């Protein structure tokens, strides 16, 4: 059972805290590498946690976020636009679980229905 803390579940808040803690403990400007090898992502405005928080997490973990979906190979969160077969449409949980598990989770386990 996920306990709600503000805008997100307790587990989601833990992912954000973990990322921020690593950032504060770094000697210089922090840039994680978890998502560094992932393609460009687009975070849906309808995502939960909110788009700004998810974008912050992706950036802190070395990922790249596009402001427009056509430039992305991964779309995070609910998306109602035209879908392309070459793009992966993933749940927000993929980002959060990858951070809390310290590894990029298998994307096939987080695919959103098309």
N, C-alpha and C. Protein backbone atom coordinates (compact mmCIF):
# COMPACT_ATOMS: atom_id res chain seq x y z
N UNK A 1 0.84 -1.18 0.00
CA UNK A 1 0.00 0.00 0.00
C UNK A 1 0.89 1.24 0.00
N UNK A 2 0.66 2.12 -0.94
CA UNK A 2 1.42 3.36 -1.02
C UNK A 2 0.74 4.44 -0.21
N UNK A 3 1.42 4.94 0.79
CA UNK A 3 0.91 6.01 1.61
C UNK A 3 1.17 7.34 0.90
N UNK A 4 0.19 8.21 0.83
CA UNK A 4 0.34 9.48 0.13
C UNK A 4 1.09 10.50 1.00
N UNK A 5 2.06 11.18 0.38
CA UNK A 5 2.81 12.25 1.03
C UNK A 5 2.78 13.42 0.06
N UNK A 6 1.92 14.40 0.31
CA UNK A 6 1.80 15.54 -0.60
C UNK A 6 1.26 15.10 -1.94
N UNK A 7 2.02 15.35 -3.02
CA UNK A 7 1.56 15.04 -4.36
C UNK A 7 1.86 13.62 -4.78
N UNK A 8 2.67 12.88 -4.02
CA UNK A 8 3.07 11.55 -4.47
C UNK A 8 3.06 10.57 -3.31
N UNK A 9 3.28 9.31 -3.65
CA UNK A 9 3.29 8.29 -2.62
C UNK A 9 4.57 8.38 -1.80
N UNK A 10 4.58 7.72 -0.69
CA UNK A 10 5.75 7.71 0.18
C UNK A 10 6.96 7.15 -0.57
N UNK A 11 6.74 6.10 -1.37
CA UNK A 11 7.83 5.49 -2.13
C UNK A 11 8.39 6.47 -3.16
N UNK A 12 7.52 7.22 -3.82
CA UNK A 12 7.95 8.21 -4.80
C UNK A 12 8.76 9.32 -4.12
N UNK A 13 8.31 9.74 -2.96
CA UNK A 13 9.02 10.77 -2.20
C UNK A 13 10.41 10.28 -1.79
N UNK A 14 10.53 8.99 -1.49
CA UNK A 14 11.82 8.42 -1.13
C UNK A 14 12.79 8.48 -2.31
N UNK A 15 12.29 8.25 -3.54
CA UNK A 15 13.15 8.33 -4.72
C UNK A 15 13.68 9.74 -4.90
N UNK A 16 12.82 10.72 -4.72
CA UNK A 16 13.23 12.12 -4.85
C UNK A 16 14.24 12.48 -3.76
N UNK A 17 14.01 12.05 -2.53
CA UNK A 17 14.94 12.34 -1.44
C UNK A 17 16.29 11.69 -1.68
N UNK A 18 16.30 10.47 -2.20
CA UNK A 18 17.54 9.75 -2.48
C UNK A 18 18.36 10.52 -3.52
N UNK A 19 17.71 10.95 -4.57
CA UNK A 19 18.38 11.70 -5.63
C UNK A 19 18.96 13.01 -5.09
N UNK A 20 18.15 13.73 -4.34
CA UNK A 20 18.60 15.00 -3.77
C UNK A 20 19.74 14.81 -2.78
N UNK A 21 19.70 13.73 -2.00
CA UNK A 21 20.77 13.47 -1.02
C UNK A 21 22.09 13.23 -1.74
N UNK A 22 22.06 12.43 -2.82
CA UNK A 22 23.28 12.19 -3.58
C UNK A 22 23.81 13.49 -4.16
N UNK A 23 22.92 14.35 -4.59
CA UNK A 23 23.30 15.65 -5.14
C UNK A 23 24.01 16.49 -4.08
N UNK A 24 23.46 16.56 -2.89
CA UNK A 24 24.04 17.38 -1.82
C UNK A 24 25.36 16.82 -1.31
N UNK A 25 25.55 15.51 -1.41
CA UNK A 25 26.78 14.90 -0.92
C UNK A 25 27.93 14.99 -1.93
N UNK A 26 27.64 15.37 -3.16
CA UNK A 26 28.70 15.43 -4.17
C UNK A 26 29.60 16.64 -3.91
N UNK A 27 30.88 16.49 -4.26
CA UNK A 27 31.85 17.55 -4.03
C UNK A 27 31.64 18.74 -4.96
N UNK A 28 31.28 18.48 -6.21
CA UNK A 28 31.08 19.54 -7.18
C UNK A 28 29.65 19.49 -7.70
N UNK A 29 29.46 20.06 -8.88
CA UNK A 29 28.12 19.98 -9.49
C UNK A 29 27.73 18.52 -9.70
N UNK A 30 26.58 18.14 -9.20
CA UNK A 30 26.16 16.75 -9.27
C UNK A 30 25.48 16.44 -10.60
N UNK A 31 25.85 15.33 -11.17
CA UNK A 31 25.18 14.81 -12.36
C UNK A 31 25.33 13.31 -12.30
N UNK A 32 24.27 12.61 -11.89
CA UNK A 32 24.29 11.17 -11.83
C UNK A 32 24.41 10.56 -13.23
N UNK A 33 24.56 9.27 -13.28
CA UNK A 33 24.75 8.59 -14.56
C UNK A 33 23.69 7.53 -14.85
N UNK A 34 22.74 7.35 -13.95
CA UNK A 34 21.76 6.28 -14.10
C UNK A 34 21.08 6.29 -15.46
N UNK A 35 20.62 7.45 -15.90
CA UNK A 35 19.90 7.55 -17.18
C UNK A 35 20.77 8.11 -18.30
N UNK A 36 22.08 8.21 -18.08
CA UNK A 36 22.97 8.82 -19.07
C UNK A 36 22.96 8.09 -20.41
N UNK A 37 22.79 6.79 -20.40
CA UNK A 37 22.80 6.01 -21.64
C UNK A 37 21.41 5.80 -22.23
N UNK A 38 20.41 6.39 -21.63
CA UNK A 38 19.04 6.25 -22.13
C UNK A 38 18.78 7.30 -23.21
N UNK A 39 17.88 6.98 -24.15
CA UNK A 39 17.54 7.99 -25.16
C UNK A 39 16.80 9.17 -24.54
N UNK A 40 16.61 10.19 -25.34
CA UNK A 40 15.90 11.39 -24.89
C UNK A 40 14.48 11.01 -24.46
N UNK A 41 14.04 11.62 -23.36
CA UNK A 41 12.71 11.33 -22.80
C UNK A 41 11.83 12.57 -22.89
N UNK A 42 10.54 12.32 -22.98
CA UNK A 42 9.52 13.36 -22.86
C UNK A 42 8.66 12.97 -21.68
N UNK A 43 8.44 13.91 -20.76
CA UNK A 43 7.59 13.64 -19.60
C UNK A 43 6.24 14.30 -19.84
N UNK A 44 5.20 13.49 -19.80
CA UNK A 44 3.84 13.95 -20.08
C UNK A 44 3.39 14.97 -19.04
N UNK A 45 2.69 16.02 -19.49
CA UNK A 45 2.13 16.99 -18.54
C UNK A 45 1.12 16.35 -17.59
N UNK A 46 0.57 15.19 -17.97
CA UNK A 46 -0.42 14.51 -17.13
C UNK A 46 0.23 13.53 -16.15
N UNK A 47 1.55 13.55 -16.04
CA UNK A 47 2.23 12.59 -15.19
C UNK A 47 2.03 12.90 -13.70
N UNK A 48 2.22 11.87 -12.91
CA UNK A 48 2.15 11.99 -11.47
C UNK A 48 3.25 11.12 -10.87
N UNK A 49 4.22 11.68 -10.18
CA UNK A 49 4.41 13.04 -9.72
C UNK A 49 4.40 14.05 -10.87
N UNK A 50 4.24 15.33 -10.53
CA UNK A 50 4.16 16.37 -11.55
C UNK A 50 5.38 16.39 -12.47
N UNK A 51 5.16 16.89 -13.68
CA UNK A 51 6.18 16.90 -14.72
C UNK A 51 7.47 17.57 -14.24
N UNK A 52 7.40 18.65 -13.52
CA UNK A 52 8.61 19.35 -13.07
C UNK A 52 9.45 18.46 -12.15
N UNK A 53 8.81 17.72 -11.27
CA UNK A 53 9.54 16.84 -10.34
C UNK A 53 10.18 15.67 -11.09
N UNK A 54 9.45 15.06 -12.03
CA UNK A 54 10.02 13.95 -12.80
C UNK A 54 11.18 14.42 -13.67
N UNK A 55 11.03 15.58 -14.29
CA UNK A 55 12.12 16.13 -15.10
C UNK A 55 13.36 16.37 -14.23
N UNK A 56 13.15 16.90 -13.04
CA UNK A 56 14.27 17.13 -12.12
C UNK A 56 14.98 15.82 -11.81
N UNK A 57 14.22 14.77 -11.53
CA UNK A 57 14.81 13.47 -11.22
C UNK A 57 15.60 12.93 -12.40
N UNK A 58 15.03 13.00 -13.59
CA UNK A 58 15.71 12.49 -14.78
C UNK A 58 17.02 13.26 -14.99
N UNK A 59 16.97 14.59 -14.88
CA UNK A 59 18.18 15.41 -15.04
C UNK A 59 19.23 15.09 -13.98
N UNK A 60 18.82 14.96 -12.73
CA UNK A 60 19.76 14.64 -11.66
C UNK A 60 20.44 13.30 -11.88
N UNK A 61 19.76 12.42 -12.60
CA UNK A 61 20.31 11.08 -12.85
C UNK A 61 20.95 10.98 -14.23
N UNK A 62 21.28 12.12 -14.83
CA UNK A 62 22.03 12.12 -16.08
C UNK A 62 21.22 11.98 -17.34
N UNK A 63 19.90 11.98 -17.24
CA UNK A 63 19.05 11.83 -18.41
C UNK A 63 18.80 13.14 -19.13
N UNK A 64 18.29 13.01 -20.35
CA UNK A 64 17.95 14.17 -21.17
C UNK A 64 16.45 14.19 -21.39
N UNK A 65 15.86 15.36 -21.22
CA UNK A 65 14.41 15.52 -21.37
C UNK A 65 14.13 16.54 -22.46
N UNK A 66 13.23 16.17 -23.36
CA UNK A 66 12.79 17.08 -24.42
C UNK A 66 11.47 17.72 -24.01
N UNK A 67 11.25 18.94 -24.47
CA UNK A 67 9.99 19.63 -24.21
C UNK A 67 8.91 19.23 -25.21
N UNK A 68 9.30 18.51 -26.27
CA UNK A 68 8.34 18.09 -27.29
C UNK A 68 8.45 16.58 -27.51
N UNK A 69 7.32 15.88 -27.59
CA UNK A 69 7.35 14.42 -27.70
C UNK A 69 8.00 13.89 -28.97
N UNK A 70 7.93 14.62 -30.07
CA UNK A 70 8.48 14.09 -31.33
C UNK A 70 10.00 13.95 -31.30
N UNK A 71 10.66 14.59 -30.35
CA UNK A 71 12.12 14.50 -30.24
C UNK A 71 12.56 13.41 -29.26
N UNK A 72 11.61 12.69 -28.69
CA UNK A 72 11.92 11.70 -27.66
C UNK A 72 11.72 10.27 -28.16
N UNK A 73 12.51 9.37 -27.59
CA UNK A 73 12.35 7.94 -27.87
C UNK A 73 11.66 7.22 -26.72
N UNK A 74 11.52 7.92 -25.60
CA UNK A 74 10.79 7.40 -24.44
C UNK A 74 9.82 8.48 -23.98
N UNK A 75 8.56 8.11 -23.79
CA UNK A 75 7.56 9.02 -23.24
C UNK A 75 7.16 8.47 -21.87
N UNK A 76 7.27 9.33 -20.87
CA UNK A 76 6.96 8.95 -19.50
C UNK A 76 5.59 9.50 -19.12
N UNK A 77 4.70 8.62 -18.64
CA UNK A 77 3.38 9.04 -18.18
C UNK A 77 2.33 8.96 -19.27
N UNK A 78 1.07 9.23 -18.90
CA UNK A 78 -0.05 9.14 -19.83
C UNK A 78 0.14 10.08 -21.02
N UNK A 79 -0.09 9.56 -22.21
CA UNK A 79 0.08 10.37 -23.42
C UNK A 79 -1.07 10.09 -24.37
N UNK A 80 -1.78 11.12 -24.77
CA UNK A 80 -2.95 10.95 -25.63
C UNK A 80 -2.70 11.37 -27.07
N UNK A 81 -1.50 11.82 -27.38
CA UNK A 81 -1.17 12.23 -28.74
C UNK A 81 -0.99 11.03 -29.66
N UNK A 82 -0.62 11.32 -30.89
CA UNK A 82 -0.36 10.26 -31.87
C UNK A 82 0.86 9.47 -31.43
N UNK A 83 0.71 8.14 -31.38
CA UNK A 83 1.79 7.29 -30.89
C UNK A 83 2.56 6.67 -32.05
N UNK A 84 3.88 6.54 -31.87
CA UNK A 84 4.75 5.96 -32.88
C UNK A 84 5.26 4.61 -32.38
N UNK A 85 5.40 3.67 -33.30
CA UNK A 85 5.86 2.32 -32.96
C UNK A 85 7.31 2.33 -32.46
N UNK A 86 8.08 3.33 -32.82
CA UNK A 86 9.50 3.39 -32.44
C UNK A 86 9.73 4.00 -31.06
N UNK A 87 8.67 4.46 -30.42
CA UNK A 87 8.77 5.12 -29.11
C UNK A 87 8.26 4.19 -28.02
N UNK A 88 8.94 4.18 -26.88
CA UNK A 88 8.45 3.42 -25.71
C UNK A 88 7.63 4.36 -24.85
N UNK A 89 6.44 3.92 -24.47
CA UNK A 89 5.53 4.69 -23.61
C UNK A 89 5.53 4.00 -22.25
N UNK A 90 6.17 4.64 -21.27
CA UNK A 90 6.40 4.01 -19.97
C UNK A 90 5.71 4.73 -18.83
N UNK A 91 5.39 3.96 -17.82
CA UNK A 91 4.82 4.50 -16.58
C UNK A 91 5.87 5.32 -15.84
N UNK A 92 5.40 6.29 -15.08
CA UNK A 92 6.27 7.09 -14.24
C UNK A 92 7.05 6.22 -13.25
N UNK A 93 6.46 5.09 -12.90
CA UNK A 93 7.10 4.18 -11.95
C UNK A 93 8.45 3.67 -12.45
N UNK A 94 8.65 3.65 -13.77
CA UNK A 94 9.93 3.21 -14.32
C UNK A 94 11.05 4.12 -13.83
N UNK A 95 10.82 5.42 -13.86
CA UNK A 95 11.82 6.39 -13.38
C UNK A 95 12.03 6.20 -11.88
N UNK A 96 10.95 6.16 -11.13
CA UNK A 96 11.03 6.07 -9.67
C UNK A 96 11.65 4.76 -9.21
N UNK A 97 11.23 3.65 -9.80
CA UNK A 97 11.79 2.35 -9.42
C UNK A 97 13.26 2.24 -9.80
N UNK A 98 13.63 2.76 -10.96
CA UNK A 98 15.03 2.73 -11.37
C UNK A 98 15.91 3.47 -10.37
N UNK A 99 15.44 4.61 -9.89
CA UNK A 99 16.21 5.39 -8.91
C UNK A 99 16.31 4.65 -7.59
N UNK A 100 15.21 4.15 -7.09
CA UNK A 100 15.25 3.48 -5.78
C UNK A 100 16.02 2.16 -5.82
N UNK A 101 16.09 1.52 -7.00
CA UNK A 101 16.81 0.25 -7.14
C UNK A 101 18.25 0.46 -7.64
N UNK A 102 18.63 1.71 -7.90
CA UNK A 102 19.99 2.06 -8.36
C UNK A 102 20.37 1.34 -9.65
N UNK A 103 19.40 1.07 -10.50
CA UNK A 103 19.67 0.46 -11.81
C UNK A 103 18.49 0.76 -12.72
N UNK A 104 18.75 0.82 -14.01
CA UNK A 104 17.66 1.06 -14.95
C UNK A 104 16.84 -0.21 -15.04
N UNK A 105 15.58 -0.12 -14.66
CA UNK A 105 14.69 -1.29 -14.67
C UNK A 105 14.33 -1.67 -16.09
N UNK A 106 13.94 -2.90 -16.27
CA UNK A 106 13.55 -3.41 -17.57
C UNK A 106 12.28 -2.67 -18.02
N UNK A 107 12.39 -1.97 -19.12
CA UNK A 107 11.29 -1.09 -19.56
C UNK A 107 10.02 -1.86 -19.92
N UNK A 108 10.16 -3.08 -20.38
CA UNK A 108 8.99 -3.88 -20.76
C UNK A 108 8.03 -4.11 -19.60
N UNK A 109 8.54 -4.03 -18.39
CA UNK A 109 7.68 -4.20 -17.20
C UNK A 109 6.87 -2.95 -16.87
N UNK A 110 7.12 -1.86 -17.60
CA UNK A 110 6.48 -0.57 -17.30
C UNK A 110 5.75 0.02 -18.51
N UNK A 111 5.55 -0.78 -19.54
CA UNK A 111 4.88 -0.28 -20.75
C UNK A 111 3.45 0.12 -20.46
N UNK A 112 3.06 1.26 -20.98
CA UNK A 112 1.66 1.71 -20.88
C UNK A 112 0.90 1.16 -22.07
N UNK A 113 -0.39 0.85 -21.89
CA UNK A 113 -1.20 0.35 -23.01
C UNK A 113 -1.25 1.37 -24.14
N UNK A 114 -1.22 0.84 -25.37
CA UNK A 114 -1.25 1.76 -26.53
C UNK A 114 -2.59 1.81 -27.15
